[in-house]
Amino acid sequence: MTANITLRSAAAVLAAAGLLAGCGGGSNDDGAAKSDTPAAKQQDQPASTTATPQQLAANIKAGPKPKSTSPERRWARSLCQDMAKASTPVKQPQANSSDVVKAQRSLVRFFGQVEAQLGAQQQVMVAAGDPPIKGAEAEWQRAVGGMDTVRDQLQTIEKKLSSADLKSPQDLQNYMKTLGGQMQILTNYQNPIASLSSNPTIGPALAAEKSCARFS
């Protein structure tokens, strides 16, 4: 299961347990994102006729592709195959447990596992190197670097949650609400291969490889 899918499915678990109600709220001492997060800015902006990343990726998928023997196709094939190996199963958190200690430990373990998986995926990205496509270096490096931000968020949540002194399920619920902004950013995260699939330079090679489909 890829990191962004894991985070989104976890968000559903947390929301069902009442731990993400009011996510994206105001600022707090735990560093939750304010209303000027990227997601909030996007919501505040008027509707645009610009194609969404999903639409761009769909257009690229339907368009012409590099030959299977081309350097960019071989690069994309190797990348996605190695990314799949780095995408190990992550156990969903037991957020709805009435045992607050058990629930807290489960959540801490979950965020740690996702961060570790994302770190392994980032190592694959770095090892793959810049795509053999002219003009793709900057976009590629931006995608790789963006993983650092998400990993930092995961580490912060894991550490704060691990050290929190919680006595009841209500304490856990209230505490997770203070992390709502950070969780909103994490659950909106799009893995780098999915993101790059909407890039007109790199996208065609990724869209042509079956091994990359699981990340879209």
C-alpha atoms as a PDB file:
ATOM      1  CA  MET A   1       0.000   0.000   0.000  1.00  0.00           C
ATOM      2  CA  THR A   2       1.558   3.328  -1.036  1.00  0.00           C
ATOM      3  CA  ALA A   3       2.101   6.037   1.544  1.00  0.00           C
ATOM      4  CA  ASN A   4      -0.531   8.486   0.362  1.00  0.00           C
ATOM      5  CA  ILE A   5      -3.223   5.774   0.094  1.00  0.00           C
ATOM      6  CA  THR A   6      -2.296   4.606   3.583  1.00  0.00           C
ATOM      7  CA  LEU A   7      -2.608   8.121   4.967  1.00  0.00           C
ATOM      8  CA  ARG A   8      -5.973   8.677   3.341  1.00  0.00           C
ATOM      9  CA  SER A   9      -7.395   5.386   4.563  1.00  0.00           C
ATOM     10  CA  ALA A  10      -6.055   6.154   8.025  1.00  0.00           C
ATOM     11  CA  ALA A  11      -7.816   9.499   7.896  1.00  0.00           C
ATOM     12  CA  ALA A  12     -11.067   7.643   7.332  1.00  0.00           C
ATOM     13  CA  VAL A  13     -10.348   5.506  10.397  1.00  0.00           C
ATOM     14  CA  LEU A  14      -9.502   8.556  12.488  1.00  0.00           C
ATOM     15  CA  ALA A  15     -12.558  10.462  11.286  1.00  0.00           C
ATOM     16  CA  ALA A  16     -14.808   7.506  12.117  1.00  0.00           C
ATOM     17  CA  ALA A  17     -13.331   7.498  15.619  1.00  0.00           C
ATOM     18  CA  GLY A  18     -13.996  11.217  15.971  1.00  0.00           C
ATOM     19  CA  LEU A  19     -10.292  12.067  16.039  1.00  0.00           C
ATOM     20  CA  LEU A  20     -10.214  14.352  13.023  1.00  0.00           C
ATOM     21  CA  ALA A  21     -13.360  16.400  13.558  1.00  0.00           C
ATOM     22  CA  GLY A  22     -12.682  20.023  12.778  1.00  0.00           C
ATOM     23  CA  CYS A  23      -9.383  19.317  11.057  1.00  0.00           C
ATOM     24  CA  GLY A  24      -7.764  22.326   9.482  1.00  0.00           C
ATOM     25  CA  GLY A  25      -8.759  24.564  12.369  1.00  0.00           C
ATOM     26  CA  GLY A  26      -6.886  27.433  13.917  1.00  0.00           C
ATOM     27  CA  SER A  27      -3.324  27.533  15.158  1.00  0.00           C
ATOM     28  CA  ASN A  28      -2.115  25.920  18.349  1.00  0.00           C
ATOM     29  CA  ASP A  29       1.070  25.143  20.241  1.00  0.00           C
ATOM     30  CA  ASP A  30       1.417  21.774  18.527  1.00  0.00           C
ATOM     31  CA  GLY A  31       2.068  23.378  15.156  1.00  0.00           C
ATOM     32  CA  ALA A  32      -1.190  22.507  13.445  1.00  0.00           C
ATOM     33  CA  ALA A  33      -1.522  24.302  10.148  1.00  0.00           C
ATOM     34  CA  LYS A  34      -3.391  27.589  10.094  1.00  0.00           C
ATOM     35  CA  SER A  35      -5.895  28.678   7.501  1.00  0.00           C
ATOM     36  CA  ASP A  36      -3.024  29.612   5.180  1.00  0.00           C
ATOM     37  CA  THR A  37      -2.144  25.981   4.440  1.00  0.00           C
ATOM     38  CA  PRO A  38      -1.935  25.065   0.734  1.00  0.00           C
ATOM     39  CA  ALA A  39      -5.201  23.131   1.037  1.00  0.00           C
ATOM     40  CA  ALA A  40      -6.966  26.094   2.645  1.00  0.00           C
ATOM     41  CA  LYS A  41      -5.635  28.509   0.047  1.00  0.00           C
ATOM     42  CA  GLN A  42      -6.921  26.250  -2.692  1.00  0.00           C
ATOM     43  CA  GLN A  43     -10.365  26.199  -1.115  1.00  0.00           C
ATOM     44  CA  ASP A  44     -10.404  30.004  -0.810  1.00  0.00           C
ATOM     45  CA  GLN A  45      -9.547  30.570  -4.452  1.00  0.00           C
ATOM     46  CA  PRO A  46     -12.348  30.982  -7.020  1.00  0.00           C
ATOM     47  CA  ALA A  47     -13.135  28.113  -9.340  1.00  0.00           C
ATOM     48  CA  SER A  48     -10.668  27.898 -12.209  1.00  0.00           C
ATOM     49  CA  THR A  49     -10.916  26.502 -15.687  1.00  0.00           C
ATOM     50  CA  THR A  50      -7.355  25.170 -15.393  1.00  0.00           C
ATOM     51  CA  ALA A  51      -7.144  21.407 -15.732  1.00  0.00           C
ATOM     52  CA  THR A  52      -6.615  19.502 -12.488  1.00  0.00           C
ATOM     53  CA  PRO A  53      -3.564  17.238 -12.021  1.00  0.00           C
ATOM     54  CA  GLN A  54      -5.876  14.241 -12.412  1.00  0.00           C
ATOM     55  CA  GLN A  55      -7.181  15.583 -15.731  1.00  0.00           C
ATOM     56  CA  LEU A  56      -3.660  16.328 -16.937  1.00  0.00           C
ATOM     57  CA  ALA A  57      -2.552  12.814 -15.995  1.00  0.00           C
ATOM     58  CA  ALA A  58      -5.545  11.336 -17.840  1.00  0.00           C
ATOM     59  CA  ASN A  59      -4.702  13.367 -20.945  1.00  0.00           C
ATOM     60  CA  ILE A  60      -1.092  12.236 -20.805  1.00  0.00           C
ATOM     61  CA  LYS A  61      -2.168   8.615 -20.350  1.00  0.00           C
ATOM     62  CA  ALA A  62      -4.326   8.871 -23.464  1.00  0.00           C
ATOM     63  CA  GLY A  63      -1.593  10.561 -25.475  1.00  0.00           C
ATOM     64  CA  PRO A  64       1.526   9.292 -27.265  1.00  0.00           C
ATOM     65  CA  LYS A  65       4.117   7.333 -25.265  1.00  0.00           C
ATOM     66  CA  PRO A  66       7.872   6.832 -25.620  1.00  0.00           C
ATOM     67  CA  LYS A  67       8.981   3.527 -27.119  1.00  0.00           C
ATOM     68  CA  SER A  68       9.343   0.669 -24.642  1.00  0.00           C
ATOM     69  CA  THR A  69      13.066   0.464 -25.399  1.00  0.00           C
ATOM     70  CA  SER A  70      13.685   4.179 -24.849  1.00  0.00           C
ATOM     71  CA  PRO A  71      15.872   5.319 -21.909  1.00  0.00           C
ATOM     72  CA  GLU A  72      12.959   7.110 -20.248  1.00  0.00           C
ATOM     73  CA  ARG A  73      10.740   4.025 -20.382  1.00  0.00           C
ATOM     74  CA  ARG A  74      13.475   1.836 -18.925  1.00  0.00           C
ATOM     75  CA  TRP A  75      14.034   4.422 -16.206  1.00  0.00           C
ATOM     76  CA  ALA A  76      10.322   4.608 -15.364  1.00  0.00           C
ATOM     77  CA  ARG A  77       9.982   0.814 -15.378  1.00  0.00           C
ATOM     78  CA  SER A  78      12.887   0.325 -12.989  1.00  0.00           C
ATOM     79  CA  LEU A  79      11.715   3.147 -10.732  1.00  0.00           C
ATOM     80  CA  CYS A  80       8.181   1.858 -10.283  1.00  0.00           C
ATOM     81  CA  GLN A  81       9.305  -1.732  -9.797  1.00  0.00           C
ATOM     82  CA  ASP A  82      11.678  -0.639  -7.034  1.00  0.00           C
ATOM     83  CA  MET A  83       9.029   1.625  -5.499  1.00  0.00           C
ATOM     84  CA  ALA A  84       6.677  -1.349  -5.303  1.00  0.00           C
ATOM     85  CA  LYS A  85       9.298  -3.314  -3.373  1.00  0.00           C
ATOM     86  CA  ALA A  86       9.634  -0.405  -0.922  1.00  0.00           C
ATOM     87  CA  SER A  87       5.850  -0.219  -0.380  1.00  0.00           C
ATOM     88  CA  THR A  88       5.398  -2.691   2.446  1.00  0.00           C
ATOM     89  CA  PRO A  89       2.022  -3.253   4.164  1.00  0.00           C
ATOM     90  CA  VAL A  90       1.217  -0.899   7.021  1.00  0.00           C
ATOM     91  CA  LYS A  91      -1.156  -1.914   9.795  1.00  0.00           C
ATOM     92  CA  GLN A  92      -4.094   0.442  10.217  1.00  0.00           C
ATOM     93  CA  PRO A  93      -4.304   2.163  13.620  1.00  0.00           C
ATOM     94  CA  GLN A  94      -6.797   0.939  16.219  1.00  0.00           C
ATOM     95  CA  ALA A  95      -8.086   4.442  16.806  1.00  0.00           C
ATOM     96  CA  ASN A  96     -11.549   3.440  18.025  1.00  0.00           C
ATOM     97  CA  SER A  97     -10.333   1.416  21.007  1.00  0.00           C
ATOM     98  CA  SER A  98     -11.735   2.339  24.429  1.00  0.00           C
ATOM     99  CA  ASP A  99      -8.272   1.538  25.810  1.00  0.00           C
ATOM    100  CA  VAL A 100      -6.531   4.892  25.389  1.00  0.00           C
ATOM    101  CA  VAL A 101      -3.046   3.445  25.941  1.00  0.00           C
ATOM    102  CA  LYS A 102      -3.616   0.807  23.261  1.00  0.00           C
ATOM    103  CA  ALA A 103      -5.054   3.375  20.850  1.00  0.00           C
ATOM    104  CA  GLN A 104      -2.215   5.807  21.484  1.00  0.00           C
ATOM    105  CA  ARG A 105       0.445   3.157  20.897  1.00  0.00           C
ATOM    106  CA  SER A 106      -1.330   1.969  17.781  1.00  0.00           C
ATOM    107  CA  LEU A 107      -1.380   5.477  16.324  1.00  0.00           C
ATOM    108  CA  VAL A 108       2.261   6.109  17.197  1.00  0.00           C
ATOM    109  CA  ARG A 109       3.257   2.828  15.551  1.00  0.00           C
ATOM    110  CA  PHE A 110       1.194   3.653  12.473  1.00  0.00           C
ATOM    111  CA  PHE A 111       2.775   7.066  11.889  1.00  0.00           C
ATOM    112  CA  GLY A 112       6.220   5.576  12.450  1.00  0.00           C
ATOM    113  CA  GLN A 113       5.586   2.810   9.916  1.00  0.00           C
ATOM    114  CA  VAL A 114       4.280   5.219   7.282  1.00  0.00           C
ATOM    115  CA  GLU A 115       7.264   7.527   7.781  1.00  0.00           C
ATOM    116  CA  ALA A 116       9.636   4.579   7.438  1.00  0.00           C
ATOM    117  CA  GLN A 117       7.883   3.450   4.256  1.00  0.00           C
ATOM    118  CA  LEU A 118       8.033   6.937   2.802  1.00  0.00           C
ATOM    119  CA  GLY A 119      11.724   7.076   3.690  1.00  0.00           C
ATOM    120  CA  ALA A 120      12.332   3.815   1.835  1.00  0.00           C
ATOM    121  CA  GLN A 121      10.451   5.150  -1.167  1.00  0.00           C
ATOM    122  CA  GLN A 122      12.497   8.336  -1.080  1.00  0.00           C
ATOM    123  CA  GLN A 123      15.704   6.302  -1.122  1.00  0.00           C
ATOM    124  CA  VAL A 124      14.426   4.568  -4.257  1.00  0.00           C
ATOM    125  CA  MET A 125      13.726   7.930  -5.850  1.00  0.00           C
ATOM    126  CA  VAL A 126      17.207   9.192  -5.021  1.00  0.00           C
ATOM    127  CA  ALA A 127      18.837   5.995  -6.273  1.00  0.00           C
ATOM    128  CA  ALA A 128      16.913   6.237  -9.559  1.00  0.00           C
ATOM    129  CA  GLY A 129      18.477   9.606 -10.228  1.00  0.00           C
ATOM    130  CA  ASP A 130      17.215  12.320 -12.522  1.00  0.00           C
ATOM    131  CA  PRO A 131      15.084  11.001 -15.396  1.00  0.00           C
ATOM    132  CA  PRO A 132      16.905  10.779 -18.749  1.00  0.00           C
ATOM    133  CA  ILE A 133      14.577  13.412 -20.162  1.00  0.00           C
ATOM    134  CA  LYS A 134      15.676  16.896 -21.147  1.00  0.00           C
ATOM    135  CA  GLY A 135      14.171  19.575 -18.925  1.00  0.00           C
ATOM    136  CA  ALA A 136      12.907  17.135 -16.262  1.00  0.00           C
ATOM    137  CA  GLU A 137      15.573  17.651 -13.601  1.00  0.00           C
ATOM    138  CA  ALA A 138      13.964  20.536 -11.686  1.00  0.00           C
ATOM    139  CA  GLU A 139      10.528  18.907 -11.457  1.00  0.00           C
ATOM    140  CA  TRP A 140      12.073  15.615 -10.389  1.00  0.00           C
ATOM    141  CA  GLN A 141      14.162  17.186  -7.648  1.00  0.00           C
ATOM    142  CA  ARG A 142      11.125  19.108  -6.415  1.00  0.00           C
ATOM    143  CA  ALA A 143       9.167  15.862  -6.100  1.00  0.00           C
ATOM    144  CA  VAL A 144      11.970  14.132  -4.207  1.00  0.00           C
ATOM    145  CA  GLY A 145      12.469  17.112  -1.909  1.00  0.00           C
ATOM    146  CA  GLY A 146       8.760  17.344  -1.170  1.00  0.00           C
ATOM    147  CA  MET A 147       8.947  13.974   0.525  1.00  0.00           C
ATOM    148  CA  ASP A 148      11.134  15.525   3.240  1.00  0.00           C
ATOM    149  CA  THR A 149       8.296  17.845   4.239  1.00  0.00           C
ATOM    150  CA  VAL A 150       5.822  15.002   4.639  1.00  0.00           C
ATOM    151  CA  ARG A 151       8.315  12.864   6.540  1.00  0.00           C
ATOM    152  CA  ASP A 152       9.010  15.762   8.910  1.00  0.00           C
ATOM    153  CA  GLN A 153       5.270  16.127   9.555  1.00  0.00           C
ATOM    154  CA  LEU A 154       4.958  12.410  10.287  1.00  0.00           C
ATOM    155  CA  GLN A 155       7.919  12.458  12.665  1.00  0.00           C
ATOM    156  CA  THR A 156       6.498  15.480  14.482  1.00  0.00           C
ATOM    157  CA  ILE A 157       3.099  13.851  14.953  1.00  0.00           C
ATOM    158  CA  GLU A 158       4.684  10.580  16.074  1.00  0.00           C
ATOM    159  CA  LYS A 159       6.901  12.270  18.679  1.00  0.00           C
ATOM    160  CA  LYS A 160       4.210  14.570  20.058  1.00  0.00           C
ATOM    161  CA  LEU A 161       1.643  11.800  20.261  1.00  0.00           C
ATOM    162  CA  SER A 162       4.128   9.428  21.884  1.00  0.00           C
ATOM    163  CA  SER A 163       4.940  11.913  24.656  1.00  0.00           C
ATOM    164  CA  ALA A 164       1.355  13.078  25.239  1.00  0.00           C
ATOM    165  CA  ASP A 165      -0.032  12.326  28.712  1.00  0.00           C
ATOM    166  CA  LEU A 166      -3.470  10.966  27.900  1.00  0.00           C
ATOM    167  CA  LYS A 167      -5.840   9.602  30.521  1.00  0.00           C
ATOM    168  CA  SER A 168      -9.006   8.933  28.562  1.00  0.00           C
ATOM    169  CA  PRO A 169     -10.359   8.416  25.032  1.00  0.00           C
ATOM    170  CA  GLN A 170     -11.630  11.999  25.208  1.00  0.00           C
ATOM    171  CA  ASP A 171      -8.080  13.183  25.863  1.00  0.00           C
ATOM    172  CA  LEU A 172      -6.943  11.338  22.753  1.00  0.00           C
ATOM    173  CA  GLN A 173      -9.778  12.814  20.725  1.00  0.00           C
ATOM    174  CA  ASN A 174      -8.992  16.344  21.847  1.00  0.00           C
ATOM    175  CA  TYR A 175      -5.286  15.884  21.276  1.00  0.00           C
ATOM    176  CA  MET A 176      -5.707  14.572  17.755  1.00  0.00           C
ATOM    177  CA  LYS A 177      -7.876  17.559  16.945  1.00  0.00           C
ATOM    178  CA  THR A 178      -4.923  19.809  17.772  1.00  0.00           C
ATOM    179  CA  LEU A 179      -3.016  17.966  15.029  1.00  0.00           C
ATOM    180  CA  GLY A 180      -5.853  18.406  12.555  1.00  0.00           C
ATOM    181  CA  GLY A 181      -4.020  20.862  10.321  1.00  0.00           C
ATOM    182  CA  GLN A 182      -0.994  18.630   9.998  1.00  0.00           C
ATOM    183  CA  MET A 183      -3.195  15.629   9.305  1.00  0.00           C
ATOM    184  CA  GLN A 184      -5.023  17.579   6.610  1.00  0.00           C
ATOM    185  CA  ILE A 185      -1.742  18.217   4.822  1.00  0.00           C
ATOM    186  CA  LEU A 186      -0.729  14.584   5.140  1.00  0.00           C
ATOM    187  CA  THR A 187      -4.003  13.141   3.881  1.00  0.00           C
ATOM    188  CA  ASN A 188      -3.939  15.508   0.899  1.00  0.00           C
ATOM    189  CA  TYR A 189      -0.425  14.328   0.044  1.00  0.00           C
ATOM    190  CA  GLN A 190      -0.007  12.870  -3.429  1.00  0.00           C
ATOM    191  CA  ASN A 191       2.867  10.438  -3.864  1.00  0.00           C
ATOM    192  CA  PRO A 192       5.616  11.723  -6.199  1.00  0.00           C
ATOM    193  CA  ILE A 193       4.926   9.280  -9.027  1.00  0.00           C
ATOM    194  CA  ALA A 194       1.247  10.246  -9.092  1.00  0.00           C
ATOM    195  CA  SER A 195       2.246  13.895  -9.010  1.00  0.00           C
ATOM    196  CA  LEU A 196       4.791  13.501 -11.803  1.00  0.00           C
ATOM    197  CA  SER A 197       2.238  11.628 -13.903  1.00  0.00           C
ATOM    198  CA  SER A 198       0.600  14.987 -14.617  1.00  0.00           C
ATOM    199  CA  ASN A 199       3.887  16.526 -15.764  1.00  0.00           C
ATOM    200  CA  PRO A 200       4.030  16.721 -19.570  1.00  0.00           C
ATOM    201  CA  THR A 201       7.757  15.999 -19.598  1.00  0.00           C
ATOM    202  CA  ILE A 202       7.958  13.020 -17.231  1.00  0.00           C
ATOM    203  CA  GLY A 203       4.347  11.829 -17.309  1.00  0.00           C
ATOM    204  CA  PRO A 204       4.324   9.975 -20.653  1.00  0.00           C
ATOM    205  CA  ALA A 205       7.041   7.520 -19.586  1.00  0.00           C
ATOM    206  CA  LEU A 206       5.332   6.826 -16.255  1.00  0.00           C
ATOM    207  CA  ALA A 207       1.887   6.471 -17.840  1.00  0.00           C
ATOM    208  CA  ALA A 208       3.223   3.901 -20.308  1.00  0.00           C
ATOM    209  CA  GLU A 209       4.471   1.502 -17.611  1.00  0.00           C
ATOM    210  CA  LYS A 210       2.046  -0.948 -15.985  1.00  0.00           C
ATOM    211  CA  SER A 211       4.243  -1.085 -12.895  1.00  0.00           C
ATOM    212  CA  CYS A 212       3.535   2.613 -12.318  1.00  0.00           C
ATOM    213  CA  ALA A 213      -0.264   2.274 -12.432  1.00  0.00           C
ATOM    214  CA  ARG A 214      -0.578   1.340  -8.739  1.00  0.00           C
ATOM    215  CA  PHE A 215       0.855   4.714  -7.750  1.00  0.00           C
ATOM    216  CA  SER A 216      -1.530   6.830  -9.811  1.00  0.00           C
END
